[in-house]
């Protein structure tokens, strides 16, 4: 049989296996008795998954130093190399220099207050307080003109 022609991979396709893998991990968290009394766990995990995938992940599907650096700049909270290393070791307990999705979720759900968590929470709050207006910009009425 002839091999099917390779489709050029669009941006969306690259994410699909990653998404599936994170979905599996989310299921494990949902079944984890440790988090059974967590409010809105399913919604939270869905948000964490989106957030995690927003980081420019390294090829292993983990968040590395450069990814955290870029994300912090994007959030308007740039960090020094040293601060970034400290953030990562805060999340991983110092055992790894990349943040796995399990690490990420454990920190977000855990009681410990890590910088990454604070920044994420802060970003969430910032987005809630000024929702992006949808639709065309409001008409300026004559009175508001200088």
C-alpha atoms as a PDB file:
ATOM      1  CA  UNK A   1       0.000   0.000   0.000  1.00  0.00           C
ATOM      2  CA  UNK A   2       1.185   3.528  -0.693  1.00  0.00           C
ATOM      3  CA  UNK A   3       2.166   5.631   2.248  1.00  0.00           C
ATOM      4  CA  UNK A   4      -0.286   8.431   2.865  1.00  0.00           C
ATOM      5  CA  UNK A   5       1.202  11.833   2.009  1.00  0.00           C
ATOM      6  CA  UNK A   6       2.383  13.614   5.120  1.00  0.00           C
ATOM      7  CA  UNK A   7       0.182  16.512   6.002  1.00  0.00           C
ATOM      8  CA  UNK A   8       2.097  19.631   6.937  1.00  0.00           C
ATOM      9  CA  UNK A   9       1.658  19.820  10.686  1.00  0.00           C
ATOM     10  CA  UNK A  10      -0.318  22.851  11.759  1.00  0.00           C
ATOM     11  CA  UNK A  11       0.204  24.480  15.129  1.00  0.00           C
ATOM     12  CA  UNK A  12      -2.825  22.698  16.553  1.00  0.00           C
ATOM     13  CA  UNK A  13      -1.637  19.201  15.764  1.00  0.00           C
ATOM     14  CA  UNK A  14       1.595  19.502  17.687  1.00  0.00           C
ATOM     15  CA  UNK A  15      -0.404  20.141  20.829  1.00  0.00           C
ATOM     16  CA  UNK A  16      -2.733  17.170  20.515  1.00  0.00           C
ATOM     17  CA  UNK A  17      -0.559  14.437  22.106  1.00  0.00           C
ATOM     18  CA  UNK A  18       0.463  16.878  24.811  1.00  0.00           C
ATOM     19  CA  UNK A  19      -3.164  17.673  25.527  1.00  0.00           C
ATOM     20  CA  UNK A  20      -4.039  13.994  25.778  1.00  0.00           C
ATOM     21  CA  UNK A  21      -1.163  13.312  28.131  1.00  0.00           C
ATOM     22  CA  UNK A  22      -2.145  16.166  30.438  1.00  0.00           C
ATOM     23  CA  UNK A  23      -5.757  15.009  30.320  1.00  0.00           C
ATOM     24  CA  UNK A  24      -4.620  11.589  31.602  1.00  0.00           C
ATOM     25  CA  UNK A  25      -2.712  13.242  34.433  1.00  0.00           C
ATOM     26  CA  UNK A  26      -5.758  15.363  35.283  1.00  0.00           C
ATOM     27  CA  UNK A  27      -7.786  12.147  35.601  1.00  0.00           C
ATOM     28  CA  UNK A  28      -5.231  10.832  38.084  1.00  0.00           C
ATOM     29  CA  UNK A  29      -5.557  13.998  40.151  1.00  0.00           C
ATOM     30  CA  UNK A  30      -9.353  13.694  40.039  1.00  0.00           C
ATOM     31  CA  UNK A  31      -9.091  10.174  41.476  1.00  0.00           C
ATOM     32  CA  UNK A  32      -6.534  11.178  44.089  1.00  0.00           C
ATOM     33  CA  UNK A  33      -8.126  10.993  47.563  1.00  0.00           C
ATOM     34  CA  UNK A  34      -5.714  13.700  48.672  1.00  0.00           C
ATOM     35  CA  UNK A  35      -7.645  16.209  46.560  1.00  0.00           C
ATOM     36  CA  UNK A  36     -11.121  14.731  46.961  1.00  0.00           C
ATOM     37  CA  UNK A  37     -12.344  17.708  48.982  1.00  0.00           C
ATOM     38  CA  UNK A  38     -10.900  20.294  46.612  1.00  0.00           C
ATOM     39  CA  UNK A  39     -13.657  22.607  45.367  1.00  0.00           C
ATOM     40  CA  UNK A  40     -14.242  22.681  41.573  1.00  0.00           C
ATOM     41  CA  UNK A  41     -11.291  20.370  41.013  1.00  0.00           C
ATOM     42  CA  UNK A  42     -12.262  19.501  37.470  1.00  0.00           C
ATOM     43  CA  UNK A  43     -12.570  23.165  36.430  1.00  0.00           C
ATOM     44  CA  UNK A  44      -9.287  24.013  38.139  1.00  0.00           C
ATOM     45  CA  UNK A  45      -7.469  21.178  36.399  1.00  0.00           C
ATOM     46  CA  UNK A  46      -8.838  22.312  33.039  1.00  0.00           C
ATOM     47  CA  UNK A  47      -7.447  25.794  33.703  1.00  0.00           C
ATOM     48  CA  UNK A  48      -4.088  24.428  34.877  1.00  0.00           C
ATOM     49  CA  UNK A  49      -3.831  22.357  31.706  1.00  0.00           C
ATOM     50  CA  UNK A  50      -4.431  25.416  29.526  1.00  0.00           C
ATOM     51  CA  UNK A  51      -1.946  27.448  31.555  1.00  0.00           C
ATOM     52  CA  UNK A  52       0.679  24.741  31.447  1.00  0.00           C
ATOM     53  CA  UNK A  53       0.394  24.424  27.683  1.00  0.00           C
ATOM     54  CA  UNK A  54       0.670  28.194  27.322  1.00  0.00           C
ATOM     55  CA  UNK A  55       4.226  27.997  28.598  1.00  0.00           C
ATOM     56  CA  UNK A  56       6.539  27.522  25.677  1.00  0.00           C
ATOM     57  CA  UNK A  57       7.378  23.968  26.668  1.00  0.00           C
ATOM     58  CA  UNK A  58      10.683  22.355  25.798  1.00  0.00           C
ATOM     59  CA  UNK A  59      10.594  19.342  23.485  1.00  0.00           C
ATOM     60  CA  UNK A  60      10.084  16.990  26.397  1.00  0.00           C
ATOM     61  CA  UNK A  61       6.763  18.661  27.193  1.00  0.00           C
ATOM     62  CA  UNK A  62       8.112  20.146  30.395  1.00  0.00           C
ATOM     63  CA  UNK A  63       8.619  23.726  31.472  1.00  0.00           C
ATOM     64  CA  UNK A  64      12.285  24.649  31.475  1.00  0.00           C
ATOM     65  CA  UNK A  65      14.101  27.781  32.579  1.00  0.00           C
ATOM     66  CA  UNK A  66      13.665  29.573  29.249  1.00  0.00           C
ATOM     67  CA  UNK A  67       9.950  28.773  29.252  1.00  0.00           C
ATOM     68  CA  UNK A  68       9.490  30.225  32.722  1.00  0.00           C
ATOM     69  CA  UNK A  69      11.557  33.244  31.728  1.00  0.00           C
ATOM     70  CA  UNK A  70       9.381  33.917  28.667  1.00  0.00           C
ATOM     71  CA  UNK A  71       6.176  33.346  30.584  1.00  0.00           C
ATOM     72  CA  UNK A  72       7.200  35.747  33.358  1.00  0.00           C
ATOM     73  CA  UNK A  73       8.076  38.408  30.796  1.00  0.00           C
ATOM     74  CA  UNK A  74       4.731  37.837  29.109  1.00  0.00           C
ATOM     75  CA  UNK A  75       3.000  38.283  32.477  1.00  0.00           C
ATOM     76  CA  UNK A  76       4.922  41.508  32.997  1.00  0.00           C
ATOM     77  CA  UNK A  77       6.903  40.072  35.903  1.00  0.00           C
ATOM     78  CA  UNK A  78      10.379  39.489  34.493  1.00  0.00           C
ATOM     79  CA  UNK A  79      12.756  37.594  36.778  1.00  0.00           C
ATOM     80  CA  UNK A  80      16.511  37.259  37.001  1.00  0.00           C
ATOM     81  CA  UNK A  81      18.184  33.963  36.136  1.00  0.00           C
ATOM     82  CA  UNK A  82      18.673  33.292  39.837  1.00  0.00           C
ATOM     83  CA  UNK A  83      15.053  34.032  40.699  1.00  0.00           C
ATOM     84  CA  UNK A  84      13.906  31.729  37.898  1.00  0.00           C
ATOM     85  CA  UNK A  85      16.100  28.902  39.180  1.00  0.00           C
ATOM     86  CA  UNK A  86      14.711  29.457  42.661  1.00  0.00           C
ATOM     87  CA  UNK A  87      11.126  29.376  41.329  1.00  0.00           C
ATOM     88  CA  UNK A  88      11.753  26.105  39.551  1.00  0.00           C
ATOM     89  CA  UNK A  89      13.379  24.478  42.557  1.00  0.00           C
ATOM     90  CA  UNK A  90      10.481  25.792  44.674  1.00  0.00           C
ATOM     91  CA  UNK A  91       8.088  23.905  42.440  1.00  0.00           C
ATOM     92  CA  UNK A  92      10.117  20.723  41.969  1.00  0.00           C
ATOM     93  CA  UNK A  93      11.535  20.536  45.470  1.00  0.00           C
ATOM     94  CA  UNK A  94      14.971  20.990  43.957  1.00  0.00           C
ATOM     95  CA  UNK A  95      15.067  17.581  42.278  1.00  0.00           C
ATOM     96  CA  UNK A  96      14.737  18.785  38.706  1.00  0.00           C
ATOM     97  CA  UNK A  97      15.481  21.863  36.637  1.00  0.00           C
ATOM     98  CA  UNK A  98      12.312  21.459  34.605  1.00  0.00           C
ATOM     99  CA  UNK A  99       8.732  21.585  35.878  1.00  0.00           C
ATOM    100  CA  UNK A 100       6.586  18.600  35.002  1.00  0.00           C
ATOM    101  CA  UNK A 101       2.824  18.923  34.809  1.00  0.00           C
ATOM    102  CA  UNK A 102       2.482  16.917  38.036  1.00  0.00           C
ATOM    103  CA  UNK A 103       4.798  19.374  39.787  1.00  0.00           C
ATOM    104  CA  UNK A 104       2.802  22.263  38.386  1.00  0.00           C
ATOM    105  CA  UNK A 105      -0.563  20.932  39.551  1.00  0.00           C
ATOM    106  CA  UNK A 106       0.783  19.899  42.944  1.00  0.00           C
ATOM    107  CA  UNK A 107       1.989  23.432  43.549  1.00  0.00           C
ATOM    108  CA  UNK A 108      -1.210  25.045  42.295  1.00  0.00           C
ATOM    109  CA  UNK A 109      -3.353  22.794  44.486  1.00  0.00           C
ATOM    110  CA  UNK A 110      -0.931  22.537  47.374  1.00  0.00           C
ATOM    111  CA  UNK A 111      -0.868  24.621  50.493  1.00  0.00           C
ATOM    112  CA  UNK A 112       2.640  25.924  49.853  1.00  0.00           C
ATOM    113  CA  UNK A 113       2.831  29.388  48.430  1.00  0.00           C
ATOM    114  CA  UNK A 114       5.253  29.384  45.508  1.00  0.00           C
ATOM    115  CA  UNK A 115       6.104  32.361  43.347  1.00  0.00           C
ATOM    116  CA  UNK A 116       4.789  30.611  40.241  1.00  0.00           C
ATOM    117  CA  UNK A 117       1.475  30.036  41.985  1.00  0.00           C
ATOM    118  CA  UNK A 118       1.236  33.633  43.138  1.00  0.00           C
ATOM    119  CA  UNK A 119       1.954  34.923  39.650  1.00  0.00           C
ATOM    120  CA  UNK A 120      -0.645  32.583  38.142  1.00  0.00           C
ATOM    121  CA  UNK A 121      -3.255  33.576  40.694  1.00  0.00           C
ATOM    122  CA  UNK A 122      -2.434  37.198  40.138  1.00  0.00           C
ATOM    123  CA  UNK A 123      -2.756  36.788  36.397  1.00  0.00           C
ATOM    124  CA  UNK A 124      -6.112  35.098  36.826  1.00  0.00           C
ATOM    125  CA  UNK A 125      -7.338  37.955  39.011  1.00  0.00           C
ATOM    126  CA  UNK A 126      -6.040  40.557  36.589  1.00  0.00           C
ATOM    127  CA  UNK A 127      -7.970  38.915  33.774  1.00  0.00           C
ATOM    128  CA  UNK A 128     -11.165  38.791  35.788  1.00  0.00           C
ATOM    129  CA  UNK A 129     -11.066  42.418  36.853  1.00  0.00           C
ATOM    130  CA  UNK A 130     -10.757  43.744  33.324  1.00  0.00           C
ATOM    131  CA  UNK A 131     -12.485  41.369  30.938  1.00  0.00           C
ATOM    132  CA  UNK A 132     -11.548  42.090  27.347  1.00  0.00           C
ATOM    133  CA  UNK A 133     -14.483  43.887  25.758  1.00  0.00           C
ATOM    134  CA  UNK A 134     -15.974  41.818  22.989  1.00  0.00           C
ATOM    135  CA  UNK A 135     -17.415  43.339  19.884  1.00  0.00           C
ATOM    136  CA  UNK A 136     -16.655  46.748  18.381  1.00  0.00           C
ATOM    137  CA  UNK A 137     -15.265  49.511  20.586  1.00  0.00           C
ATOM    138  CA  UNK A 138     -17.977  51.618  22.200  1.00  0.00           C
ATOM    139  CA  UNK A 139     -19.080  54.631  20.163  1.00  0.00           C
ATOM    140  CA  UNK A 140     -17.587  57.829  21.543  1.00  0.00           C
ATOM    141  CA  UNK A 141     -20.367  60.271  22.175  1.00  0.00           C
ATOM    142  CA  UNK A 142     -19.837  63.921  21.387  1.00  0.00           C
ATOM    143  CA  UNK A 143     -19.749  64.882  25.069  1.00  0.00           C
ATOM    144  CA  UNK A 144     -16.673  62.771  25.724  1.00  0.00           C
ATOM    145  CA  UNK A 145     -14.620  64.441  22.987  1.00  0.00           C
ATOM    146  CA  UNK A 146     -12.033  66.938  24.206  1.00  0.00           C
END
